[in-house]
Amino acid sequence: MLYKKPRLSEYILARVVTVSLGLYLLFFIIMLSFLGSNRLAWLSLAFVALAFIAFIYIVYRGTKSVQKELSIVNKYLANLEETDVIDYETKFFAKEFEQINENLIKVLSKYKKREEMKQKYTSKLKLKNRQRSDMISAIAHEFRNPIAAIMGYAQTLEDDKDLSDAMRDRFLSKINANSQKIEDLLKRLILWNKFESGEARLEKTNFRITSLVENIAQDLKEKYKGRDILVRGEDFSIDADRTLMEVVVKNLIENALKYSSEDVEVKLEGRKISIVDKGVGISEEHLDKVTKKFYRSGTHNWDNSMGLGLSIVKTILSLHGSYLEIESKESEGSTFSFEM
C-alpha cells in the first residue's frame, strides 16, 4: 500500500492550512479590489496573515493534545493483556476523554476478573484430569490383585481334575472372597461418584447406634473369623441417614480389623463414637493426608484403599454436620472418632 494514513494532527493541520490559505487568498483579492495597492491594504493583509498563522498554531497545539490523549487510550487498548493498572490520575482536557478513561478502567477490571475466573477454571480442570488419572491408576492397582487371584484359582480348578474336595472348596471360597472384594470396590466407586456429582441426598431416620454397630459387627465377623468387635458404653439414638452412617462405621471398623491382630473396640461416650484398634498405626507424616481423595501412603503398613475410603467417611460426616478425628501412633494403634 503506497498510501499511508496521516496522524490526527497531520490530517487536521493539512485541512486548516488549506482552508486558511483559501480564505486568505479570497481576502487578498477583496482587499486589493477595494483598497488598491496602498500601504493600508498591505498592512491589513499582513495582519490577517499573522492572525491565520496564530489560528493555525492554536489548532495545531489543540490537535496535538487530542492526539496525545488518544495515544494514551490506544496504548491501553493495544496492551490490555499486559496492563495491570490504568492510571487514574491521568489528566484530560476534555470531559469525553475522562469518560473514556473511566470506561477503560471498568473494562480492564472486568477483563482481569474474567482472566482470573479462566485461570481458576483451568486449574480446576487440570486438577480434575489429574484426579481422573489417579483414580484410573488406583482402580487398576486395586482390581489387579483380586482379579489375578480369581484367575489363578479358577485356572487351577480347571487344569487339576484330581484336586481334593477340601482343596476345591478352599479355592472356591477364595474366588468368592475376591469377587466380594471387587464388588465392595465397585460400590465405593459408585458412592464416591454420587458425592462428586452432587447426587447423594440424606434420608434421615431415627435409630439406635448400638443396633447399627451390632449389625455391622455381625456381617464383618463372617469375613474376619476369630476376631471380636467389642461395643462399650451407653447406647443412644441419632437422626441420620442410616445407609450412609453404616458406610462410615463399617469403613472405620473394617480398617481397624485390617490393620490390627487384636480385638477392635467401639466406644460410645456421650454422643461420641470411637473405633479403637491396637494395630500398626499411621505415621505422623501421613496422619493429615489419609482422608484426602486418591491419597495413598505408599507404605505396606497402612494404606487407604483406592484413596477413597476415609475420603467418603469424611464427606458423609460433613453432610451430617460432623467431622472425623484421628489419633494414631505408629506401631501402637489408632482411634477414629466422630460426634453426632
C-alpha atoms as a PDB file:
ATOM      1  CA  MET A   1       0.000   0.000   0.000  1.00  0.00           C
ATOM      2  CA  LEU A   2       1.559   3.274  -1.142  1.00  0.00           C
ATOM      3  CA  TYR A   3      -0.963   5.458   0.665  1.00  0.00           C
ATOM      4  CA  LYS A   4      -0.208   5.911   4.349  1.00  0.00           C
ATOM      5  CA  LYS A   5      -2.913   7.312   6.578  1.00  0.00           C
ATOM      6  CA  PRO A   6      -1.867  10.546   8.311  1.00  0.00           C
ATOM      7  CA  ARG A   7      -1.888  11.142  12.047  1.00  0.00           C
ATOM      8  CA  LEU A   8      -4.715  13.209  13.533  1.00  0.00           C
ATOM      9  CA  SER A   9      -2.530  16.332  13.908  1.00  0.00           C
ATOM     10  CA  GLU A  10      -1.259  15.991  10.326  1.00  0.00           C
ATOM     11  CA  TYR A  11      -4.756  15.497   8.964  1.00  0.00           C
ATOM     12  CA  ILE A  12      -6.297  18.477  10.796  1.00  0.00           C
ATOM     13  CA  LEU A  13      -3.266  20.712  10.121  1.00  0.00           C
ATOM     14  CA  ALA A  14      -3.457  19.987   6.410  1.00  0.00           C
ATOM     15  CA  ARG A  15      -7.173  20.803   6.338  1.00  0.00           C
ATOM     16  CA  VAL A  16      -6.785  24.010   8.408  1.00  0.00           C
ATOM     17  CA  VAL A  17      -3.853  25.242   6.311  1.00  0.00           C
ATOM     18  CA  THR A  18      -5.770  24.544   3.090  1.00  0.00           C
ATOM     19  CA  VAL A  19      -8.887  26.381   4.312  1.00  0.00           C
ATOM     20  CA  SER A  20      -6.811  29.243   5.756  1.00  0.00           C
ATOM     21  CA  LEU A  21      -4.856  29.728   2.522  1.00  0.00           C
ATOM     22  CA  GLY A  22      -8.086  29.696   0.542  1.00  0.00           C
ATOM     23  CA  LEU A  23      -9.702  32.299   2.816  1.00  0.00           C
ATOM     24  CA  TYR A  24      -6.535  34.395   2.843  1.00  0.00           C
ATOM     25  CA  LEU A  25      -6.375  34.423  -0.973  1.00  0.00           C
ATOM     26  CA  LEU A  26     -10.047  35.417  -1.125  1.00  0.00           C
ATOM     27  CA  PHE A  27      -9.438  38.180   1.413  1.00  0.00           C
ATOM     28  CA  PHE A  28      -6.318  39.227  -0.521  1.00  0.00           C
ATOM     29  CA  ILE A  29      -8.305  39.644  -3.744  1.00  0.00           C
ATOM     30  CA  ILE A  30     -11.101  41.578  -1.966  1.00  0.00           C
ATOM     31  CA  MET A  31      -8.664  43.924  -0.221  1.00  0.00           C
ATOM     32  CA  LEU A  32      -6.784  44.730  -3.441  1.00  0.00           C
ATOM     33  CA  SER A  33     -10.095  45.281  -5.278  1.00  0.00           C
ATOM     34  CA  PHE A  34     -11.473  47.784  -2.760  1.00  0.00           C
ATOM     35  CA  LEU A  35      -8.355  49.441  -1.294  1.00  0.00           C
ATOM     36  CA  GLY A  36      -5.941  49.114  -4.175  1.00  0.00           C
ATOM     37  CA  SER A  37      -2.247  48.534  -3.735  1.00  0.00           C
ATOM     38  CA  ASN A  38      -1.558  51.000  -0.929  1.00  0.00           C
ATOM     39  CA  ARG A  39       0.137  50.846   2.444  1.00  0.00           C
ATOM     40  CA  LEU A  40      -3.119  50.237   4.403  1.00  0.00           C
ATOM     41  CA  ALA A  41      -4.022  47.267   2.211  1.00  0.00           C
ATOM     42  CA  TRP A  42      -0.634  45.596   2.727  1.00  0.00           C
ATOM     43  CA  LEU A  43      -0.735  46.205   6.487  1.00  0.00           C
ATOM     44  CA  SER A  44      -4.217  44.696   6.635  1.00  0.00           C
ATOM     45  CA  LEU A  45      -3.084  41.683   4.622  1.00  0.00           C
ATOM     46  CA  ALA A  46      -0.034  41.233   6.894  1.00  0.00           C
ATOM     47  CA  PHE A  47      -2.249  41.441   9.996  1.00  0.00           C
ATOM     48  CA  VAL A  48      -4.684  38.879   8.579  1.00  0.00           C
ATOM     49  CA  ALA A  49      -1.759  36.591   7.657  1.00  0.00           C
ATOM     50  CA  LEU A  50      -0.480  36.756  11.228  1.00  0.00           C
ATOM     51  CA  ALA A  51      -3.980  36.070  12.535  1.00  0.00           C
ATOM     52  CA  PHE A  52      -4.262  32.995  10.297  1.00  0.00           C
ATOM     53  CA  ILE A  53      -0.828  31.760  11.424  1.00  0.00           C
ATOM     54  CA  ALA A  54      -1.806  32.201  15.099  1.00  0.00           C
ATOM     55  CA  PHE A  55      -5.088  30.380  14.432  1.00  0.00           C
ATOM     56  CA  ILE A  56      -3.290  27.520  12.686  1.00  0.00           C
ATOM     57  CA  TYR A  57      -0.792  27.257  15.598  1.00  0.00           C
ATOM     58  CA  ILE A  58      -3.581  27.171  18.220  1.00  0.00           C
ATOM     59  CA  VAL A  59      -5.471  24.482  16.261  1.00  0.00           C
ATOM     60  CA  TYR A  60      -2.240  22.513  15.850  1.00  0.00           C
ATOM     61  CA  ARG A  61      -1.488  22.639  19.597  1.00  0.00           C
ATOM     62  CA  GLY A  62      -5.024  21.571  20.431  1.00  0.00           C
ATOM     63  CA  THR A  63      -4.839  18.738  17.929  1.00  0.00           C
ATOM     64  CA  LYS A  64      -1.523  17.545  19.407  1.00  0.00           C
ATOM     65  CA  SER A  65      -3.167  17.418  22.860  1.00  0.00           C
ATOM     66  CA  VAL A  66      -6.059  15.387  21.475  1.00  0.00           C
ATOM     67  CA  GLN A  67      -3.589  13.116  19.665  1.00  0.00           C
ATOM     68  CA  LYS A  68      -1.604  12.621  22.885  1.00  0.00           C
ATOM     69  CA  GLU A  69      -4.718  11.616  24.810  1.00  0.00           C
ATOM     70  CA  LEU A  70      -5.828   9.280  22.029  1.00  0.00           C
ATOM     71  CA  SER A  71      -2.337   7.723  22.121  1.00  0.00           C
ATOM     72  CA  ILE A  72      -2.739   7.038  25.866  1.00  0.00           C
ATOM     73  CA  VAL A  73      -6.105   5.351  25.273  1.00  0.00           C
ATOM     74  CA  ASN A  74      -4.694   3.402  22.317  1.00  0.00           C
ATOM     75  CA  LYS A  75      -1.717   2.259  24.384  1.00  0.00           C
ATOM     76  CA  TYR A  76      -4.055   0.729  26.988  1.00  0.00           C
ATOM     77  CA  LEU A  77      -6.157  -0.968  24.319  1.00  0.00           C
ATOM     78  CA  ALA A  78      -3.110  -2.302  22.443  1.00  0.00           C
ATOM     79  CA  ASN A  79      -1.581  -3.804  25.611  1.00  0.00           C
ATOM     80  CA  LEU A  80      -4.703  -4.849  27.507  1.00  0.00           C
ATOM     81  CA  GLU A  81      -3.293  -8.273  28.441  1.00  0.00           C
ATOM     82  CA  GLU A  82      -0.064  -6.788  29.860  1.00  0.00           C
ATOM     83  CA  THR A  83      -1.723  -3.789  31.550  1.00  0.00           C
ATOM     84  CA  ASP A  84      -2.292  -4.352  35.253  1.00  0.00           C
ATOM     85  CA  VAL A  85      -3.489  -0.872  36.239  1.00  0.00           C
ATOM     86  CA  ILE A  86      -4.796   2.110  34.265  1.00  0.00           C
ATOM     87  CA  ASP A  87      -3.542   5.444  35.592  1.00  0.00           C
ATOM     88  CA  TYR A  88      -6.451   7.002  37.463  1.00  0.00           C
ATOM     89  CA  GLU A  89      -4.541  10.287  37.772  1.00  0.00           C
ATOM     90  CA  THR A  90      -4.142  10.915  34.033  1.00  0.00           C
ATOM     91  CA  LYS A  91      -5.345  14.452  33.291  1.00  0.00           C
ATOM     92  CA  PHE A  92      -7.523  15.012  30.238  1.00  0.00           C
ATOM     93  CA  PHE A  93      -8.523  18.443  28.984  1.00  0.00           C
ATOM     94  CA  ALA A  94     -11.830  17.135  27.584  1.00  0.00           C
ATOM     95  CA  LYS A  95     -14.663  15.514  29.541  1.00  0.00           C
ATOM     96  CA  GLU A  96     -15.158  12.871  26.846  1.00  0.00           C
ATOM     97  CA  PHE A  97     -11.606  11.582  27.294  1.00  0.00           C
ATOM     98  CA  GLU A  98     -12.048  11.405  31.060  1.00  0.00           C
ATOM     99  CA  GLN A  99     -15.146   9.287  30.492  1.00  0.00           C
ATOM    100  CA  ILE A 100     -13.267   7.065  28.041  1.00  0.00           C
ATOM    101  CA  ASN A 101     -10.538   6.586  30.677  1.00  0.00           C
ATOM    102  CA  GLU A 102     -13.121   5.686  33.335  1.00  0.00           C
ATOM    103  CA  ASN A 103     -14.777   3.201  30.978  1.00  0.00           C
ATOM    104  CA  LEU A 104     -11.398   1.686  30.171  1.00  0.00           C
ATOM    105  CA  ILE A 105     -10.802   1.160  33.894  1.00  0.00           C
ATOM    106  CA  LYS A 106     -14.117  -0.701  34.116  1.00  0.00           C
ATOM    107  CA  VAL A 107     -13.306  -2.772  31.018  1.00  0.00           C
ATOM    108  CA  LEU A 108      -9.870  -3.677  32.389  1.00  0.00           C
ATOM    109  CA  SER A 109     -11.352  -4.634  35.754  1.00  0.00           C
ATOM    110  CA  LYS A 110     -13.908  -6.940  34.088  1.00  0.00           C
ATOM    111  CA  TYR A 111     -11.221  -8.367  31.803  1.00  0.00           C
ATOM    112  CA  LYS A 112      -8.965  -9.165  34.761  1.00  0.00           C
ATOM    113  CA  LYS A 113     -11.835 -10.844  36.611  1.00  0.00           C
ATOM    114  CA  ARG A 114     -12.595 -12.968  33.558  1.00  0.00           C
ATOM    115  CA  GLU A 115      -8.921 -13.886  33.298  1.00  0.00           C
ATOM    116  CA  GLU A 116      -8.860 -14.880  36.983  1.00  0.00           C
ATOM    117  CA  MET A 117     -12.001 -16.991  36.516  1.00  0.00           C
ATOM    118  CA  LYS A 118     -10.472 -18.570  33.417  1.00  0.00           C
ATOM    119  CA  GLN A 119      -7.279 -19.411  35.323  1.00  0.00           C
ATOM    120  CA  LYS A 120      -9.289 -20.883  38.210  1.00  0.00           C
ATOM    121  CA  TYR A 121     -11.345 -22.958  35.770  1.00  0.00           C
ATOM    122  CA  THR A 122      -8.165 -24.137  34.019  1.00  0.00           C
ATOM    123  CA  SER A 123      -6.628 -25.076  37.382  1.00  0.00           C
ATOM    124  CA  LYS A 124      -9.777 -26.980  38.381  1.00  0.00           C
ATOM    125  CA  LEU A 125      -9.788 -28.752  35.021  1.00  0.00           C
ATOM    126  CA  LYS A 126      -6.146 -29.764  35.460  1.00  0.00           C
ATOM    127  CA  LEU A 127      -6.909 -30.981  38.982  1.00  0.00           C
ATOM    128  CA  LYS A 128      -9.899 -32.995  37.740  1.00  0.00           C
ATOM    129  CA  ASN A 129      -7.787 -34.546  34.968  1.00  0.00           C
ATOM    130  CA  ARG A 130      -5.056 -35.390  37.454  1.00  0.00           C
ATOM    131  CA  GLN A 131      -7.619 -36.904  39.838  1.00  0.00           C
ATOM    132  CA  ARG A 132      -9.148 -38.891  36.990  1.00  0.00           C
ATOM    133  CA  SER A 133      -5.718 -40.198  36.083  1.00  0.00           C
ATOM    134  CA  ASP A 134      -5.019 -41.040  39.739  1.00  0.00           C
ATOM    135  CA  MET A 135      -8.388 -42.761  40.004  1.00  0.00           C
ATOM    136  CA  ILE A 136      -7.735 -44.927  36.929  1.00  0.00           C
ATOM    137  CA  SER A 137      -4.332 -45.828  38.349  1.00  0.00           C
ATOM    138  CA  ALA A 138      -5.864 -46.615  41.749  1.00  0.00           C
ATOM    139  CA  ILE A 139      -8.630 -48.725  40.199  1.00  0.00           C
ATOM    140  CA  ALA A 140      -6.111 -50.676  38.132  1.00  0.00           C
ATOM    141  CA  HIS A 141      -3.965 -51.250  41.223  1.00  0.00           C
ATOM    142  CA  GLU A 142      -6.836 -52.320  43.494  1.00  0.00           C
ATOM    143  CA  PHE A 143      -8.581 -54.576  40.964  1.00  0.00           C
ATOM    144  CA  ARG A 144      -5.420 -56.275  39.736  1.00  0.00           C
ATOM    145  CA  ASN A 145      -4.840 -58.449  42.839  1.00  0.00           C
ATOM    146  CA  PRO A 146      -8.362 -59.907  43.286  1.00  0.00           C
ATOM    147  CA  ILE A 147      -8.757 -60.448  39.540  1.00  0.00           C
ATOM    148  CA  ALA A 148      -5.360 -62.182  39.370  1.00  0.00           C
ATOM    149  CA  ALA A 149      -6.324 -64.333  42.362  1.00  0.00           C
ATOM    150  CA  ILE A 150      -9.668 -65.333  40.817  1.00  0.00           C
ATOM    151  CA  MET A 151      -7.974 -66.196  37.519  1.00  0.00           C
ATOM    152  CA  GLY A 152      -5.279 -68.207  39.303  1.00  0.00           C
ATOM    153  CA  TYR A 153      -7.675 -70.258  41.427  1.00  0.00           C
ATOM    154  CA  ALA A 154     -10.075 -70.774  38.521  1.00  0.00           C
ATOM    155  CA  GLN A 155      -7.209 -71.927  36.259  1.00  0.00           C
ATOM    156  CA  THR A 156      -6.034 -74.401  38.897  1.00  0.00           C
ATOM    157  CA  LEU A 157      -9.558 -75.786  39.312  1.00  0.00           C
ATOM    158  CA  GLU A 158      -9.863 -76.162  35.541  1.00  0.00           C
ATOM    159  CA  ASP A 159      -6.451 -77.759  34.984  1.00  0.00           C
ATOM    160  CA  ASP A 160      -6.208 -80.051  38.026  1.00  0.00           C
ATOM    161  CA  LYS A 161      -9.050 -82.563  37.938  1.00  0.00           C
ATOM    162  CA  ASP A 162      -7.556 -84.531  40.847  1.00  0.00           C
ATOM    163  CA  LEU A 163      -7.886 -81.797  43.478  1.00  0.00           C
ATOM    164  CA  SER A 164      -9.365 -82.972  46.747  1.00  0.00           C
ATOM    165  CA  ASP A 165     -12.816 -81.779  47.718  1.00  0.00           C
ATOM    166  CA  ALA A 166     -11.353 -79.815  50.640  1.00  0.00           C
ATOM    167  CA  MET A 167      -8.855 -78.017  48.376  1.00  0.00           C
ATOM    168  CA  ARG A 168     -11.552 -77.398  45.755  1.00  0.00           C
ATOM    169  CA  ASP A 169     -13.837 -75.881  48.423  1.00  0.00           C
ATOM    170  CA  ARG A 170     -10.963 -73.735  49.682  1.00  0.00           C
ATOM    171  CA  PHE A 171     -10.238 -72.401  46.196  1.00  0.00           C
ATOM    172  CA  LEU A 172     -13.919 -71.677  45.579  1.00  0.00           C
ATOM    173  CA  SER A 173     -14.044 -69.821  48.891  1.00  0.00           C
ATOM    174  CA  LYS A 174     -11.029 -67.732  47.792  1.00  0.00           C
ATOM    175  CA  ILE A 175     -12.721 -66.968  44.465  1.00  0.00           C
ATOM    176  CA  ASN A 176     -15.870 -65.898  46.305  1.00  0.00           C
ATOM    177  CA  ALA A 177     -13.903 -63.699  48.733  1.00  0.00           C
ATOM    178  CA  ASN A 178     -12.030 -61.934  45.919  1.00  0.00           C
ATOM    179  CA  SER A 179     -15.291 -61.474  43.973  1.00  0.00           C
ATOM    180  CA  GLN A 180     -16.776 -59.850  47.088  1.00  0.00           C
ATOM    181  CA  LYS A 181     -13.760 -57.569  47.287  1.00  0.00           C
ATOM    182  CA  ILE A 182     -14.311 -56.420  43.683  1.00  0.00           C
ATOM    183  CA  GLU A 183     -17.989 -55.793  44.440  1.00  0.00           C
ATOM    184  CA  ASP A 184     -17.050 -53.703  47.509  1.00  0.00           C
ATOM    185  CA  LEU A 185     -14.612 -51.660  45.428  1.00  0.00           C
ATOM    186  CA  LEU A 186     -17.291 -51.012  42.808  1.00  0.00           C
ATOM    187  CA  LYS A 187     -19.780 -49.924  45.494  1.00  0.00           C
ATOM    188  CA  ARG A 188     -17.212 -47.495  46.859  1.00  0.00           C
ATOM    189  CA  LEU A 189     -16.588 -46.043  43.415  1.00  0.00           C
ATOM    190  CA  ILE A 190     -20.318 -45.617  42.752  1.00  0.00           C
ATOM    191  CA  LEU A 191     -20.817 -43.884  46.113  1.00  0.00           C
ATOM    192  CA  TRP A 192     -17.834 -41.594  45.513  1.00  0.00           C
ATOM    193  CA  ASN A 193     -19.220 -40.710  42.079  1.00  0.00           C
ATOM    194  CA  LYS A 194     -22.573 -39.749  43.658  1.00  0.00           C
ATOM    195  CA  PHE A 195     -20.838 -37.383  46.051  1.00  0.00           C
ATOM    196  CA  GLU A 196     -18.747 -35.856  43.261  1.00  0.00           C
ATOM    197  CA  SER A 197     -21.791 -35.247  41.061  1.00  0.00           C
ATOM    198  CA  GLY A 198     -23.906 -33.932  43.943  1.00  0.00           C
ATOM    199  CA  GLU A 199     -26.490 -36.698  43.545  1.00  0.00           C
ATOM    200  CA  ALA A 200     -26.172 -38.002  47.121  1.00  0.00           C
ATOM    201  CA  ARG A 201     -29.147 -36.967  49.291  1.00  0.00           C
ATOM    202  CA  LEU A 202     -29.682 -37.538  53.011  1.00  0.00           C
ATOM    203  CA  GLU A 203     -32.693 -39.609  54.034  1.00  0.00           C
ATOM    204  CA  LYS A 204     -32.689 -39.199  57.802  1.00  0.00           C
ATOM    205  CA  THR A 205     -34.388 -41.581  60.238  1.00  0.00           C
ATOM    206  CA  ASN A 206     -34.115 -42.051  63.988  1.00  0.00           C
ATOM    207  CA  PHE A 207     -32.283 -45.215  65.104  1.00  0.00           C
ATOM    208  CA  ARG A 208     -30.201 -46.596  67.970  1.00  0.00           C
ATOM    209  CA  ILE A 209     -26.463 -46.555  67.374  1.00  0.00           C
ATOM    210  CA  THR A 210     -25.830 -49.960  69.020  1.00  0.00           C
ATOM    211  CA  SER A 211     -28.217 -51.718  66.624  1.00  0.00           C
ATOM    212  CA  LEU A 212     -26.260 -50.275  63.693  1.00  0.00           C
ATOM    213  CA  VAL A 213     -22.874 -51.257  65.140  1.00  0.00           C
ATOM    214  CA  GLU A 214     -24.036 -54.775  66.105  1.00  0.00           C
ATOM    215  CA  ASN A 215     -25.403 -55.450  62.607  1.00  0.00           C
ATOM    216  CA  ILE A 216     -22.117 -54.326  61.051  1.00  0.00           C
ATOM    217  CA  ALA A 217     -20.123 -56.393  63.567  1.00  0.00           C
ATOM    218  CA  GLN A 218     -22.177 -59.488  62.732  1.00  0.00           C
ATOM    219  CA  ASP A 219     -21.540 -59.041  58.996  1.00  0.00           C
ATOM    220  CA  LEU A 220     -17.795 -58.489  59.470  1.00  0.00           C
ATOM    221  CA  LYS A 221     -17.353 -61.469  61.812  1.00  0.00           C
ATOM    222  CA  GLU A 222     -18.142 -63.769  58.894  1.00  0.00           C
ATOM    223  CA  LYS A 223     -15.310 -62.169  56.908  1.00  0.00           C
ATOM    224  CA  TYR A 224     -12.850 -61.797  59.822  1.00  0.00           C
ATOM    225  CA  LYS A 225     -13.333 -65.119  61.620  1.00  0.00           C
ATOM    226  CA  GLY A 226     -11.921 -65.347  65.122  1.00  0.00           C
ATOM    227  CA  ARG A 227     -11.934 -61.577  65.610  1.00  0.00           C
ATOM    228  CA  ASP A 228     -14.139 -59.804  68.139  1.00  0.00           C
ATOM    229  CA  ILE A 229     -15.713 -56.361  67.877  1.00  0.00           C
ATOM    230  CA  LEU A 230     -16.454 -55.105  71.393  1.00  0.00           C
ATOM    231  CA  VAL A 231     -19.121 -52.430  71.920  1.00  0.00           C
ATOM    232  CA  ARG A 232     -18.757 -50.472  75.166  1.00  0.00           C
ATOM    233  CA  GLY A 233     -20.628 -47.515  76.577  1.00  0.00           C
ATOM    234  CA  GLU A 234     -24.196 -46.301  76.793  1.00  0.00           C
ATOM    235  CA  ASP A 235     -26.486 -46.604  73.796  1.00  0.00           C
ATOM    236  CA  PHE A 236     -28.099 -43.508  72.261  1.00  0.00           C
ATOM    237  CA  SER A 237     -30.306 -42.666  69.288  1.00  0.00           C
ATOM    238  CA  ILE A 238     -29.400 -40.386  66.373  1.00  0.00           C
ATOM    239  CA  ASP A 239     -31.204 -38.708  63.479  1.00  0.00           C
ATOM    240  CA  ALA A 240     -29.142 -39.567  60.400  1.00  0.00           C
ATOM    241  CA  ASP A 241     -29.114 -41.366  57.077  1.00  0.00           C
ATOM    242  CA  ARG A 242     -28.792 -44.961  58.287  1.00  0.00           C
ATOM    243  CA  THR A 243     -27.391 -46.297  54.992  1.00  0.00           C
ATOM    244  CA  LEU A 244     -24.643 -43.676  54.849  1.00  0.00           C
ATOM    245  CA  MET A 245     -23.822 -43.981  58.559  1.00  0.00           C
ATOM    246  CA  GLU A 246     -23.458 -47.714  58.015  1.00  0.00           C
ATOM    247  CA  VAL A 247     -20.847 -46.918  55.345  1.00  0.00           C
ATOM    248  CA  VAL A 248     -18.985 -44.702  57.857  1.00  0.00           C
ATOM    249  CA  VAL A 249     -18.955 -47.170  60.748  1.00  0.00           C
ATOM    250  CA  LYS A 250     -18.258 -50.203  58.535  1.00  0.00           C
ATOM    251  CA  ASN A 251     -15.314 -48.461  56.862  1.00  0.00           C
ATOM    252  CA  LEU A 252     -13.784 -47.486  60.199  1.00  0.00           C
ATOM    253  CA  ILE A 253     -14.302 -50.898  61.849  1.00  0.00           C
ATOM    254  CA  GLU A 254     -13.000 -52.773  58.796  1.00  0.00           C
ATOM    255  CA  ASN A 255      -9.902 -50.571  58.679  1.00  0.00           C
ATOM    256  CA  ALA A 256      -9.318 -51.418  62.344  1.00  0.00           C
ATOM    257  CA  LEU A 257      -9.708 -55.137  61.631  1.00  0.00           C
ATOM    258  CA  LYS A 258      -7.381 -54.991  58.625  1.00  0.00           C
ATOM    259  CA  TYR A 259      -4.511 -53.280  60.365  1.00  0.00           C
ATOM    260  CA  SER A 260      -4.566 -54.922  63.773  1.00  0.00           C
ATOM    261  CA  SER A 261      -4.495 -58.506  65.018  1.00  0.00           C
ATOM    262  CA  GLU A 262      -6.255 -57.860  68.333  1.00  0.00           C
ATOM    263  CA  ASP A 263      -9.920 -57.216  69.081  1.00  0.00           C
ATOM    264  CA  VAL A 264     -11.451 -53.927  67.911  1.00  0.00           C
ATOM    265  CA  GLU A 265     -13.286 -51.741  70.389  1.00  0.00           C
ATOM    266  CA  VAL A 266     -16.225 -49.428  69.628  1.00  0.00           C
ATOM    267  CA  LYS A 267     -16.630 -46.865  72.427  1.00  0.00           C
ATOM    268  CA  LEU A 268     -19.839 -44.897  72.972  1.00  0.00           C
ATOM    269  CA  GLU A 269     -19.232 -41.843  75.161  1.00  0.00           C
ATOM    270  CA  GLY A 270     -21.972 -39.232  75.321  1.00  0.00           C
ATOM    271  CA  ARG A 271     -22.687 -38.526  71.651  1.00  0.00           C
ATOM    272  CA  LYS A 272     -19.214 -39.600  70.561  1.00  0.00           C
ATOM    273  CA  ILE A 273     -18.430 -42.832  68.681  1.00  0.00           C
ATOM    274  CA  SER A 274     -14.813 -44.059  68.678  1.00  0.00           C
ATOM    275  CA  ILE A 275     -13.296 -47.070  66.902  1.00  0.00           C
ATOM    276  CA  VAL A 276     -10.101 -48.148  68.665  1.00  0.00           C
ATOM    277  CA  ASP A 277      -7.501 -50.647  67.496  1.00  0.00           C
ATOM    278  CA  LYS A 278      -4.050 -51.753  68.666  1.00  0.00           C
ATOM    279  CA  GLY A 279      -2.655 -52.185  65.172  1.00  0.00           C
ATOM    280  CA  VAL A 280       0.145 -50.806  63.026  1.00  0.00           C
ATOM    281  CA  GLY A 281      -0.976 -47.182  63.395  1.00  0.00           C
ATOM    282  CA  ILE A 282      -0.389 -44.309  60.999  1.00  0.00           C
ATOM    283  CA  SER A 283       2.840 -42.324  60.891  1.00  0.00           C
ATOM    284  CA  GLU A 284       2.690 -38.636  61.741  1.00  0.00           C
ATOM    285  CA  GLU A 285       3.818 -37.890  58.179  1.00  0.00           C
ATOM    286  CA  HIS A 286       0.627 -39.426  56.728  1.00  0.00           C
ATOM    287  CA  LEU A 287      -1.827 -38.579  59.511  1.00  0.00           C
ATOM    288  CA  ASP A 288      -3.205 -35.356  57.996  1.00  0.00           C
ATOM    289  CA  LYS A 289      -3.312 -36.782  54.454  1.00  0.00           C
ATOM    290  CA  VAL A 290      -5.161 -40.095  54.782  1.00  0.00           C
ATOM    291  CA  THR A 291      -8.629 -38.532  54.337  1.00  0.00           C
ATOM    292  CA  LYS A 292      -7.710 -36.889  51.025  1.00  0.00           C
ATOM    293  CA  LYS A 293      -9.151 -38.303  47.810  1.00  0.00           C
ATOM    294  CA  PHE A 294      -6.859 -40.703  45.944  1.00  0.00           C
ATOM    295  CA  TYR A 295      -4.147 -40.372  48.584  1.00  0.00           C
ATOM    296  CA  ARG A 296      -2.056 -43.486  49.023  1.00  0.00           C
ATOM    297  CA  SER A 297       0.646 -43.737  51.671  1.00  0.00           C
ATOM    298  CA  GLY A 298       2.996 -45.803  49.533  1.00  0.00           C
ATOM    299  CA  THR A 299       3.892 -47.931  52.578  1.00  0.00           C
ATOM    300  CA  HIS A 300       3.000 -51.533  53.392  1.00  0.00           C
ATOM    301  CA  ASN A 301       1.822 -50.940  56.966  1.00  0.00           C
ATOM    302  CA  TRP A 302      -1.198 -48.713  56.337  1.00  0.00           C
ATOM    303  CA  ASP A 303      -2.962 -47.950  53.081  1.00  0.00           C
ATOM    304  CA  ASN A 304      -6.227 -46.113  52.377  1.00  0.00           C
ATOM    305  CA  SER A 305      -7.689 -48.493  49.802  1.00  0.00           C
ATOM    306  CA  MET A 306      -8.029 -46.657  46.486  1.00  0.00           C
ATOM    307  CA  GLY A 307      -7.652 -43.415  48.440  1.00  0.00           C
ATOM    308  CA  LEU A 308     -11.448 -43.219  48.729  1.00  0.00           C
ATOM    309  CA  GLY A 309     -12.474 -44.976  51.959  1.00  0.00           C
ATOM    310  CA  LEU A 310     -11.712 -42.273  54.514  1.00  0.00           C
ATOM    311  CA  SER A 311     -12.484 -39.529  51.992  1.00  0.00           C
ATOM    312  CA  ILE A 312     -16.024 -40.928  51.710  1.00  0.00           C
ATOM    313  CA  VAL A 313     -16.270 -41.183  55.512  1.00  0.00           C
ATOM    314  CA  LYS A 314     -15.187 -37.568  55.862  1.00  0.00           C
ATOM    315  CA  THR A 315     -17.737 -36.414  53.243  1.00  0.00           C
ATOM    316  CA  ILE A 316     -20.645 -38.326  54.828  1.00  0.00           C
ATOM    317  CA  LEU A 317     -19.841 -36.936  58.278  1.00  0.00           C
ATOM    318  CA  SER A 318     -19.627 -33.435  56.813  1.00  0.00           C
ATOM    319  CA  LEU A 319     -23.120 -33.852  55.332  1.00  0.00           C
ATOM    320  CA  HIS A 320     -24.309 -34.694  58.857  1.00  0.00           C
ATOM    321  CA  GLY A 321     -22.572 -31.661  60.377  1.00  0.00           C
ATOM    322  CA  SER A 322     -19.811 -33.740  61.964  1.00  0.00           C
ATOM    323  CA  TYR A 323     -16.149 -34.438  61.270  1.00  0.00           C
ATOM    324  CA  LEU A 324     -13.614 -37.248  61.656  1.00  0.00           C
ATOM    325  CA  GLU A 325     -10.968 -37.094  64.394  1.00  0.00           C
ATOM    326  CA  ILE A 326      -7.891 -39.309  64.072  1.00  0.00           C
ATOM    327  CA  GLU A 327      -5.417 -40.125  66.837  1.00  0.00           C
ATOM    328  CA  SER A 328      -2.683 -42.566  65.951  1.00  0.00           C
ATOM    329  CA  LYS A 329       0.826 -43.635  66.814  1.00  0.00           C
ATOM    330  CA  GLU A 330       2.872 -45.876  64.590  1.00  0.00           C
ATOM    331  CA  SER A 331       3.128 -49.468  65.905  1.00  0.00           C
ATOM    332  CA  GLU A 332       0.740 -48.628  68.766  1.00  0.00           C
ATOM    333  CA  GLY A 333      -2.674 -48.260  67.129  1.00  0.00           C
ATOM    334  CA  SER A 334      -5.305 -45.763  66.046  1.00  0.00           C
ATOM    335  CA  THR A 335      -8.548 -44.179  67.247  1.00  0.00           C
ATOM    336  CA  PHE A 336     -11.062 -42.877  64.701  1.00  0.00           C
ATOM    337  CA  SER A 337     -13.919 -40.936  66.262  1.00  0.00           C
ATOM    338  CA  PHE A 338     -16.773 -38.613  65.433  1.00  0.00           C
ATOM    339  CA  GLU A 339     -19.585 -36.950  67.357  1.00  0.00           C
ATOM    340  CA  MET A 340     -23.238 -36.830  66.368  1.00  0.00           C
END
